[in-house]
PDB file of N, CA and C in Angstrom:
ATOM      1  N   MET A   1     -10.260 -12.480  14.000  1.00  0.00           N
ATOM      2  CA  MET A   1      -9.176 -11.582  14.301  1.00  0.00           C
ATOM      3  C   MET A   1      -9.018 -10.584  13.158  1.00  0.00           C
ATOM      4  N   LEU A   2      -8.824  -9.311  13.490  1.00  0.00           N
ATOM      5  CA  LEU A   2      -8.652  -8.276  12.480  1.00  0.00           C
ATOM      6  C   LEU A   2      -7.257  -8.382  11.883  1.00  0.00           C
ATOM      7  N   GLU A   3      -7.154  -8.027  10.630  1.00  0.00           N
ATOM      8  CA  GLU A   3      -5.859  -8.090   9.965  1.00  0.00           C
ATOM      9  C   GLU A   3      -5.769  -6.987   8.939  1.00  0.00           C
ATOM     10  N   ARG A   4      -4.614  -6.859   8.320  1.00  0.00           N
ATOM     11  CA  ARG A   4      -4.381  -5.794   7.343  1.00  0.00           C
ATOM     12  C   ARG A   4      -4.609  -6.257   5.902  1.00  0.00           C
ATOM     13  N   ARG A   5      -5.192  -7.458   5.719  1.00  0.00           N
ATOM     14  CA  ARG A   5      -5.507  -7.882   4.351  1.00  0.00           C
ATOM     15  C   ARG A   5      -6.601  -6.964   3.841  1.00  0.00           C
ATOM     16  N   TYR A   6      -6.388  -6.382   2.676  1.00  0.00           N
ATOM     17  CA  TYR A   6      -7.289  -5.368   2.145  1.00  0.00           C
ATOM     18  C   TYR A   6      -8.494  -6.010   1.485  1.00  0.00           C
ATOM     19  N   HIS A   7      -9.647  -5.455   1.728  1.00  0.00           N
ATOM     20  CA  HIS A   7     -10.883  -5.942   1.125  1.00  0.00           C
ATOM     21  C   HIS A   7     -10.858  -5.631  -0.372  1.00  0.00           C
ATOM     22  N   ASP A   8     -11.226  -6.595  -1.214  1.00  0.00           N
ATOM     23  CA  ASP A   8     -11.109  -6.414  -2.660  1.00  0.00           C
ATOM     24  C   ASP A   8     -12.083  -5.383  -3.231  1.00  0.00           C
ATOM     25  N   ARG A   9     -13.032  -4.918  -2.456  1.00  0.00           N
ATOM     26  CA  ARG A   9     -13.961  -3.888  -2.935  1.00  0.00           C
ATOM     27  C   ARG A   9     -13.600  -2.494  -2.416  1.00  0.00           C
ATOM     28  N   ALA A  10     -12.533  -2.365  -1.649  1.00  0.00           N
ATOM     29  CA  ALA A  10     -12.139  -1.072  -1.096  1.00  0.00           C
ATOM     30  C   ALA A  10     -11.201  -0.337  -2.064  1.00  0.00           C
ATOM     31  N   GLN A  11     -11.237   0.981  -2.026  1.00  0.00           N
ATOM     32  CA  GLN A  11     -10.427   1.819  -2.905  1.00  0.00           C
ATOM     33  C   GLN A  11      -9.052   2.060  -2.281  1.00  0.00           C
ATOM     34  N   ASN A  12      -8.019   1.861  -3.063  1.00  0.00           N
ATOM     35  CA  ASN A  12      -6.666   2.207  -2.659  1.00  0.00           C
ATOM     36  C   ASN A  12      -6.389   3.602  -3.204  1.00  0.00           C
ATOM     37  N   LEU A  13      -5.180   4.075  -3.091  1.00  0.00           N
ATOM     38  CA  LEU A  13      -4.778   5.387  -3.583  1.00  0.00           C
ATOM     39  C   LEU A  13      -5.071   5.513  -5.074  1.00  0.00           C
ATOM     40  N   VAL A  14      -5.717   6.597  -5.483  1.00  0.00           N
ATOM     41  CA  VAL A  14      -5.972   6.874  -6.896  1.00  0.00           C
ATOM     42  C   VAL A  14      -4.872   7.799  -7.396  1.00  0.00           C
ATOM     43  N   ALA A  15      -4.189   7.376  -8.448  1.00  0.00           N
ATOM     44  CA  ALA A  15      -3.093   8.174  -9.006  1.00  0.00           C
ATOM     45  C   ALA A  15      -3.188   8.130 -10.523  1.00  0.00           C
ATOM     46  N   TYR A  16      -3.452   9.267 -11.151  1.00  0.00           N
ATOM     47  CA  TYR A  16      -3.597   9.313 -12.607  1.00  0.00           C
ATOM     48  C   TYR A  16      -2.232   9.403 -13.285  1.00  0.00           C
ATOM     49  N   SER A  17      -1.357  10.253 -12.794  1.00  0.00           N
ATOM     50  CA  SER A  17       0.040  10.293 -13.242  1.00  0.00           C
ATOM     51  C   SER A  17       0.835   9.645 -12.132  1.00  0.00           C
ATOM     52  N   ARG A  18       1.606   8.606 -12.455  1.00  0.00           N
ATOM     53  CA  ARG A  18       2.234   7.888 -11.353  1.00  0.00           C
ATOM     54  C   ARG A  18       3.573   7.278 -11.714  1.00  0.00           C
ATOM     55  N   TRP A  19       4.348   7.067 -10.677  1.00  0.00           N
ATOM     56  CA  TRP A  19       5.556   6.258 -10.731  1.00  0.00           C
ATOM     57  C   TRP A  19       5.192   4.965 -10.038  1.00  0.00           C
ATOM     58  N   GLU A  20       5.808   3.868 -10.439  1.00  0.00           N
ATOM     59  CA  GLU A  20       5.527   2.591  -9.797  1.00  0.00           C
ATOM     60  C   GLU A  20       6.735   1.678  -9.902  1.00  0.00           C
ATOM     61  N   GLY A  21       6.768   0.695  -9.031  1.00  0.00           N
ATOM     62  CA  GLY A  21       7.870  -0.245  -9.066  1.00  0.00           C
ATOM     63  C   GLY A  21       7.591  -1.481  -8.232  1.00  0.00           C
ATOM     64  N   VAL A  22       8.487  -2.445  -8.370  1.00  0.00           N
ATOM     65  CA  VAL A  22       8.410  -3.701  -7.624  1.00  0.00           C
ATOM     66  C   VAL A  22       9.673  -3.809  -6.789  1.00  0.00           C
ATOM     67  N   LEU A  23       9.526  -4.164  -5.521  1.00  0.00           N
ATOM     68  CA  LEU A  23      10.664  -4.323  -4.624  1.00  0.00           C
ATOM     69  C   LEU A  23      11.025  -5.800  -4.512  1.00  0.00           C
ATOM     70  N   TYR A  24      12.297  -6.096  -4.453  1.00  0.00           N
ATOM     71  CA  TYR A  24      12.810  -7.459  -4.285  1.00  0.00           C
ATOM     72  C   TYR A  24      12.259  -8.444  -5.319  1.00  0.00           C
ATOM     73  N   PRO A  25      12.308  -8.102  -6.612  1.00  0.00           N
ATOM     74  CA  PRO A  25      11.689  -8.978  -7.618  1.00  0.00           C
ATOM     75  C   PRO A  25      12.322 -10.357  -7.749  1.00  0.00           C
ATOM     76  N   SER A  26      13.582 -10.516  -7.404  1.00  0.00           N
ATOM     77  CA  SER A  26      14.231 -11.821  -7.583  1.00  0.00           C
ATOM     78  C   SER A  26      14.614 -12.482  -6.260  1.00  0.00           C
ATOM     79  N   ILE A  27      13.998 -12.038  -5.167  1.00  0.00           N
ATOM     80  CA  ILE A  27      14.272 -12.595  -3.844  1.00  0.00           C
ATOM     81  C   ILE A  27      13.000 -13.243  -3.307  1.00  0.00           C
ATOM     82  N   ALA A  28      13.101 -14.458  -2.789  1.00  0.00           N
ATOM     83  CA  ALA A  28      11.937 -15.140  -2.203  1.00  0.00           C
ATOM     84  C   ALA A  28      11.526 -14.411  -0.929  1.00  0.00           C
ATOM     85  N   THR A  29      10.305 -13.900  -0.906  1.00  0.00           N
ATOM     86  CA  THR A  29       9.815 -13.139   0.246  1.00  0.00           C
ATOM     87  C   THR A  29       8.609 -13.781   0.909  1.00  0.00           C
ATOM     88  N   GLY A  30       8.021 -14.794   0.265  1.00  0.00           N
ATOM     89  CA  GLY A  30       6.777 -15.354   0.768  1.00  0.00           C
ATOM     90  C   GLY A  30       5.564 -14.700   0.134  1.00  0.00           C
ATOM     91  N   PHE A  31       5.794 -13.683  -0.684  1.00  0.00           N
ATOM     92  CA  PHE A  31       4.720 -13.004  -1.408  1.00  0.00           C
ATOM     93  C   PHE A  31       4.993 -13.108  -2.895  1.00  0.00           C
ATOM     94  N   ASP A  32       3.927 -12.988  -3.697  1.00  0.00           N
ATOM     95  CA  ASP A  32       4.098 -12.985  -5.149  1.00  0.00           C
ATOM     96  C   ASP A  32       4.720 -11.684  -5.623  1.00  0.00           C
ATOM     97  N   LYS A  33       4.354 -10.577  -4.960  1.00  0.00           N
ATOM     98  CA  LYS A  33       4.863  -9.274  -5.386  1.00  0.00           C
ATOM     99  C   LYS A  33       4.793  -8.283  -4.236  1.00  0.00           C
ATOM    100  N   ILE A  34       5.852  -7.484  -4.084  1.00  0.00           N
ATOM    101  CA  ILE A  34       5.868  -6.341  -3.182  1.00  0.00           C
ATOM    102  C   ILE A  34       5.994  -5.132  -4.093  1.00  0.00           C
ATOM    103  N   SER A  35       4.997  -4.269  -4.087  1.00  0.00           N
ATOM    104  CA  SER A  35       5.013  -3.169  -5.050  1.00  0.00           C
ATOM    105  C   SER A  35       4.623  -1.848  -4.405  1.00  0.00           C
ATOM    106  N   TRP A  36       4.959  -0.782  -5.101  1.00  0.00           N
ATOM    107  CA  TRP A  36       4.637   0.565  -4.648  1.00  0.00           C
ATOM    108  C   TRP A  36       4.211   1.389  -5.859  1.00  0.00           C
ATOM    109  N   TYR A  37       3.480   2.428  -5.607  1.00  0.00           N
ATOM    110  CA  TYR A  37       3.228   3.444  -6.627  1.00  0.00           C
ATOM    111  C   TYR A  37       2.990   4.773  -5.936  1.00  0.00           C
ATOM    112  N   ALA A  38       3.244   5.835  -6.673  1.00  0.00           N
ATOM    113  CA  ALA A  38       3.104   7.181  -6.124  1.00  0.00           C
ATOM    114  C   ALA A  38       2.451   8.081  -7.156  1.00  0.00           C
ATOM    115  N   SER A  39       1.534   8.921  -6.703  1.00  0.00           N
ATOM    116  CA  SER A  39       0.991   9.948  -7.579  1.00  0.00           C
ATOM    117  C   SER A  39       2.050  11.036  -7.692  1.00  0.00           C
ATOM    118  N   ILE A  40       2.170  11.616  -8.862  1.00  0.00           N
ATOM    119  CA  ILE A  40       3.202  12.640  -9.062  1.00  0.00           C
ATOM    120  C   ILE A  40       2.572  13.950  -9.511  1.00  0.00           C
ATOM    121  N   GLN A  41       3.206  15.024  -9.094  1.00  0.00           N
ATOM    122  CA  GLN A  41       2.810  16.358  -9.518  1.00  0.00           C
ATOM    123  C   GLN A  41       4.070  17.209  -9.564  1.00  0.00           C
ATOM    124  N   ASN A  42       4.276  17.862 -10.694  1.00  0.00           N
ATOM    125  CA  ASN A  42       5.463  18.706 -10.899  1.00  0.00           C
ATOM    126  C   ASN A  42       6.763  17.948 -10.655  1.00  0.00           C
ATOM    127  N   GLY A  43       6.814  16.689 -11.070  1.00  0.00           N
ATOM    128  CA  GLY A  43       8.020  15.885 -10.958  1.00  0.00           C
ATOM    129  C   GLY A  43       8.347  15.390  -9.566  1.00  0.00           C
ATOM    130  N   ARG A  44       7.409  15.482  -8.644  1.00  0.00           N
ATOM    131  CA  ARG A  44       7.623  15.014  -7.265  1.00  0.00           C
ATOM    132  C   ARG A  44       6.515  14.058  -6.862  1.00  0.00           C
ATOM    133  N   ALA A  45       6.862  13.113  -6.015  1.00  0.00           N
ATOM    134  CA  ALA A  45       5.852  12.196  -5.480  1.00  0.00           C
ATOM    135  C   ALA A  45       4.968  12.971  -4.510  1.00  0.00           C
ATOM    136  N   GLU A  46       3.657  12.875  -4.745  1.00  0.00           N
ATOM    137  CA  GLU A  46       2.715  13.580  -3.896  1.00  0.00           C
ATOM    138  C   GLU A  46       2.184  12.679  -2.776  1.00  0.00           C
ATOM    139  N   SER A  47       1.828  11.472  -3.123  1.00  0.00           N
ATOM    140  CA  SER A  47       1.390  10.480  -2.146  1.00  0.00           C
ATOM    141  C   SER A  47       1.763   9.105  -2.679  1.00  0.00           C
ATOM    142  N   TYR A  48       1.869   8.121  -1.778  1.00  0.00           N
ATOM    143  CA  TYR A  48       2.348   6.801  -2.192  1.00  0.00           C
ATOM    144  C   TYR A  48       1.551   5.699  -1.511  1.00  0.00           C
ATOM    145  N   SER A  49       1.642   4.506  -2.096  1.00  0.00           N
ATOM    146  CA  SER A  49       1.017   3.308  -1.544  1.00  0.00           C
ATOM    147  C   SER A  49       2.018   2.164  -1.655  1.00  0.00           C
ATOM    148  N   LEU A  50       2.146   1.372  -0.604  1.00  0.00           N
ATOM    149  CA  LEU A  50       3.043   0.223  -0.570  1.00  0.00           C
ATOM    150  C   LEU A  50       2.216  -0.988  -0.178  1.00  0.00           C
ATOM    151  N   GLY A  51       2.280  -2.047  -0.978  1.00  0.00           N
ATOM    152  CA  GLY A  51       1.476  -3.226  -0.674  1.00  0.00           C
ATOM    153  C   GLY A  51       2.123  -4.506  -1.149  1.00  0.00           C
ATOM    154  N   VAL A  52       1.552  -5.622  -0.733  1.00  0.00           N
ATOM    155  CA  VAL A  52       2.043  -6.938  -1.146  1.00  0.00           C
ATOM    156  C   VAL A  52       0.876  -7.792  -1.629  1.00  0.00           C
ATOM    157  N   ASN A  53       1.185  -8.684  -2.571  1.00  0.00           N
ATOM    158  CA  ASN A  53       0.194  -9.616  -3.109  1.00  0.00           C
ATOM    159  C   ASN A  53       0.671 -11.039  -2.901  1.00  0.00           C
ATOM    160  N   ARG A  54      -0.284 -11.923  -2.589  1.00  0.00           N
ATOM    161  CA  ARG A  54      -0.052 -13.372  -2.591  1.00  0.00           C
ATOM    162  C   ARG A  54      -1.356 -13.996  -3.070  1.00  0.00           C
ATOM    163  N   GLY A  55      -1.275 -14.643  -4.227  1.00  0.00           N
ATOM    164  CA  GLY A  55      -2.499 -15.172  -4.827  1.00  0.00           C
ATOM    165  C   GLY A  55      -3.454 -14.037  -5.121  1.00  0.00           C
ATOM    166  N   THR A  56      -4.693 -14.169  -4.665  1.00  0.00           N
ATOM    167  CA  THR A  56      -5.670 -13.106  -4.879  1.00  0.00           C
ATOM    168  C   THR A  56      -5.767 -12.160  -3.683  1.00  0.00           C
ATOM    169  N   ASP A  57      -4.928 -12.356  -2.661  1.00  0.00           N
ATOM    170  CA  ASP A  57      -4.946 -11.501  -1.473  1.00  0.00           C
ATOM    171  C   ASP A  57      -3.996 -10.329  -1.637  1.00  0.00           C
ATOM    172  N   PHE A  58      -4.390  -9.182  -1.087  1.00  0.00           N
ATOM    173  CA  PHE A  58      -3.583  -7.962  -1.124  1.00  0.00           C
ATOM    174  C   PHE A  58      -3.547  -7.370   0.271  1.00  0.00           C
ATOM    175  N   TRP A  59      -2.360  -7.016   0.729  1.00  0.00           N
ATOM    176  CA  TRP A  59      -2.184  -6.342   2.013  1.00  0.00           C
ATOM    177  C   TRP A  59      -1.663  -4.947   1.741  1.00  0.00           C
ATOM    178  N   LEU A  60      -2.373  -3.945   2.218  1.00  0.00           N
ATOM    179  CA  LEU A  60      -1.926  -2.560   2.116  1.00  0.00           C
ATOM    180  C   LEU A  60      -1.060  -2.284   3.338  1.00  0.00           C
ATOM    181  N   LEU A  61       0.244  -2.125   3.122  1.00  0.00           N
ATOM    182  CA  LEU A  61       1.168  -1.950   4.244  1.00  0.00           C
ATOM    183  C   LEU A  61       1.248  -0.512   4.711  1.00  0.00           C
ATOM    184  N   GLU A  62       1.281   0.401   3.752  1.00  0.00           N
ATOM    185  CA  GLU A  62       1.415   1.807   4.123  1.00  0.00           C
ATOM    186  C   GLU A  62       0.906   2.668   2.992  1.00  0.00           C
ATOM    187  N   ILE A  63       0.313   3.779   3.348  1.00  0.00           N
ATOM    188  CA  ILE A  63      -0.117   4.785   2.395  1.00  0.00           C
ATOM    189  C   ILE A  63       0.197   6.119   3.050  1.00  0.00           C
ATOM    190  N   GLY A  64       0.788   7.033   2.319  1.00  0.00           N
ATOM    191  CA  GLY A  64       1.177   8.293   2.933  1.00  0.00           C
ATOM    192  C   GLY A  64       1.622   9.311   1.917  1.00  0.00           C
ATOM    193  N   ASP A  65       2.353  10.303   2.405  1.00  0.00           N
ATOM    194  CA  ASP A  65       2.869  11.368   1.552  1.00  0.00           C
ATOM    195  C   ASP A  65       4.255  11.768   2.047  1.00  0.00           C
ATOM    196  N   GLU A  66       4.775  12.843   1.493  1.00  0.00           N
ATOM    197  CA  GLU A  66       6.130  13.277   1.843  1.00  0.00           C
ATOM    198  C   GLU A  66       6.276  13.534   3.344  1.00  0.00           C
ATOM    199  N   ASN A  67       5.251  14.041   3.978  1.00  0.00           N
ATOM    200  CA  ASN A  67       5.316  14.321   5.425  1.00  0.00           C
ATOM    201  C   ASN A  67       5.403  13.051   6.262  1.00  0.00           C
ATOM    202  N   THR A  68       4.758  11.979   5.825  1.00  0.00           N
ATOM    203  CA  THR A  68       4.794  10.752   6.614  1.00  0.00           C
ATOM    204  C   THR A  68       6.150  10.064   6.532  1.00  0.00           C
ATOM    205  N   LEU A  69       6.978  10.458   5.572  1.00  0.00           N
ATOM    206  CA  LEU A  69       8.305   9.864   5.436  1.00  0.00           C
ATOM    207  C   LEU A  69       9.338  10.508   6.353  1.00  0.00           C
ATOM    208  N   THR A  70       8.986  11.576   7.039  1.00  0.00           N
ATOM    209  CA  THR A  70       9.947  12.266   7.896  1.00  0.00           C
ATOM    210  C   THR A  70      10.017  11.674   9.297  1.00  0.00           C
ATOM    211  N   VAL A  71       9.083  10.776   9.633  1.00  0.00           N
ATOM    212  CA  VAL A  71       9.071  10.109  10.943  1.00  0.00           C
ATOM    213  C   VAL A  71       8.834   8.619  10.716  1.00  0.00           C
ATOM    214  N   PRO A  72       9.183   7.757  11.673  1.00  0.00           N
ATOM    215  CA  PRO A  72       8.914   6.326  11.509  1.00  0.00           C
ATOM    216  C   PRO A  72       7.425   6.068  11.286  1.00  0.00           C
ATOM    217  N   PRO A  73       7.079   5.017  10.533  1.00  0.00           N
ATOM    218  CA  PRO A  73       5.663   4.751  10.236  1.00  0.00           C
ATOM    219  C   PRO A  73       4.850   4.430  11.480  1.00  0.00           C
ATOM    220  N   GLU A  74       3.580   4.812  11.425  1.00  0.00           N
ATOM    221  CA  GLU A  74       2.639   4.512  12.502  1.00  0.00           C
ATOM    222  C   GLU A  74       1.528   3.625  11.984  1.00  0.00           C
ATOM    223  N   TYR A  75       1.857   2.675  11.118  1.00  0.00           N
ATOM    224  CA  TYR A  75       0.883   1.742  10.562  1.00  0.00           C
ATOM    225  C   TYR A  75      -0.330   2.462   9.996  1.00  0.00           C
ATOM    226  N   SER A  76      -0.081   3.210   8.936  1.00  0.00           N
ATOM    227  CA  SER A  76      -1.203   3.862   8.276  1.00  0.00           C
ATOM    228  C   SER A  76      -1.526   3.097   7.008  1.00  0.00           C
ATOM    229  N   PRO A  77      -2.737   2.976   6.598  1.00  0.00           N
ATOM    230  CA  PRO A  77      -3.924   3.424   7.307  1.00  0.00           C
ATOM    231  C   PRO A  77      -4.255   2.532   8.500  1.00  0.00           C
ATOM    232  N   ASP A  78      -5.104   3.045   9.341  1.00  0.00           N
ATOM    233  CA  ASP A  78      -5.516   2.352  10.553  1.00  0.00           C
ATOM    234  C   ASP A  78      -6.168   1.010  10.209  1.00  0.00           C
ATOM    235  N   PRO A  79      -5.643  -0.118  10.706  1.00  0.00           N
ATOM    236  CA  PRO A  79      -6.210  -1.427  10.365  1.00  0.00           C
ATOM    237  C   PRO A  79      -7.613  -1.654  10.924  1.00  0.00           C
ATOM    238  N   ASN A  80      -8.115  -0.743  11.741  1.00  0.00           N
ATOM    239  CA  ASN A  80      -9.477  -0.869  12.252  1.00  0.00           C
ATOM    240  C   ASN A  80     -10.517  -0.298  11.296  1.00  0.00           C
ATOM    241  N   LYS A  81     -10.070   0.278  10.181  1.00  0.00           N
ATOM    242  CA  LYS A  81     -11.003   0.839   9.202  1.00  0.00           C
ATOM    243  C   LYS A  81     -11.726  -0.287   8.465  1.00  0.00           C
ATOM    244  N   PRO A  82     -12.925  -0.015   7.968  1.00  0.00           N
ATOM    245  CA  PRO A  82     -13.753  -1.066   7.375  1.00  0.00           C
ATOM    246  C   PRO A  82     -13.241  -1.648   6.064  1.00  0.00           C
ATOM    247  N   GLN A  83     -12.269  -1.019   5.418  1.00  0.00           N
ATOM    248  CA  GLN A  83     -11.797  -1.595   4.154  1.00  0.00           C
ATOM    249  C   GLN A  83     -10.901  -2.811   4.341  1.00  0.00           C
ATOM    250  N   PHE A  84     -10.582  -3.151   5.572  1.00  0.00           N
ATOM    251  CA  PHE A  84      -9.776  -4.325   5.836  1.00  0.00           C
ATOM    252  C   PHE A  84     -10.664  -5.539   6.117  1.00  0.00           C
ATOM    253  N   VAL A  85     -10.216  -6.712   5.714  1.00  0.00           N
ATOM    254  CA  VAL A  85     -10.964  -7.940   5.909  1.00  0.00           C
ATOM    255  C   VAL A  85     -11.158  -8.213   7.400  1.00  0.00           C
ATOM    256  N   GLY A  86     -12.310  -8.731   7.747  1.00  0.00           N
ATOM    257  CA  GLY A  86     -12.590  -9.068   9.138  1.00  0.00           C
ATOM    258  C   GLY A  86     -13.490  -8.074   9.825  1.00  0.00           C
ATOM    259  N   HIS A  87     -13.819  -6.981   9.146  1.00  0.00           N
ATOM    260  CA  HIS A  87     -14.696  -5.972   9.739  1.00  0.00           C
ATOM    261  C   HIS A  87     -16.114  -6.156   9.241  1.00  0.00           C
ATOM    262  N   LYS A  88     -17.054  -5.819  10.043  1.00  0.00           N
ATOM    263  CA  LYS A  88     -18.466  -5.939   9.648  1.00  0.00           C
ATOM    264  C   LYS A  88     -19.007  -4.624   9.188  1.00  0.00           C
TER     265      LYS A  88
END
């Protein structure tokens, strides 16, 4: 079955200047960490990545930019892409 667990050899968002943070650090969520980071340019977030970790597994929940925040998420990136576990 295909899933959104990210393959450990796939590239996530590259951000040289970035903001980052951890969500719900003191609340039990079932994950070790829920984190985000965003590339910045001229003091604004240009693109962002949101993911969760449990053990050595990482799930990429969403990656986008300012435009993707103006409408409800459509599960980006597409879980059918080869960087997700379960694809050949």
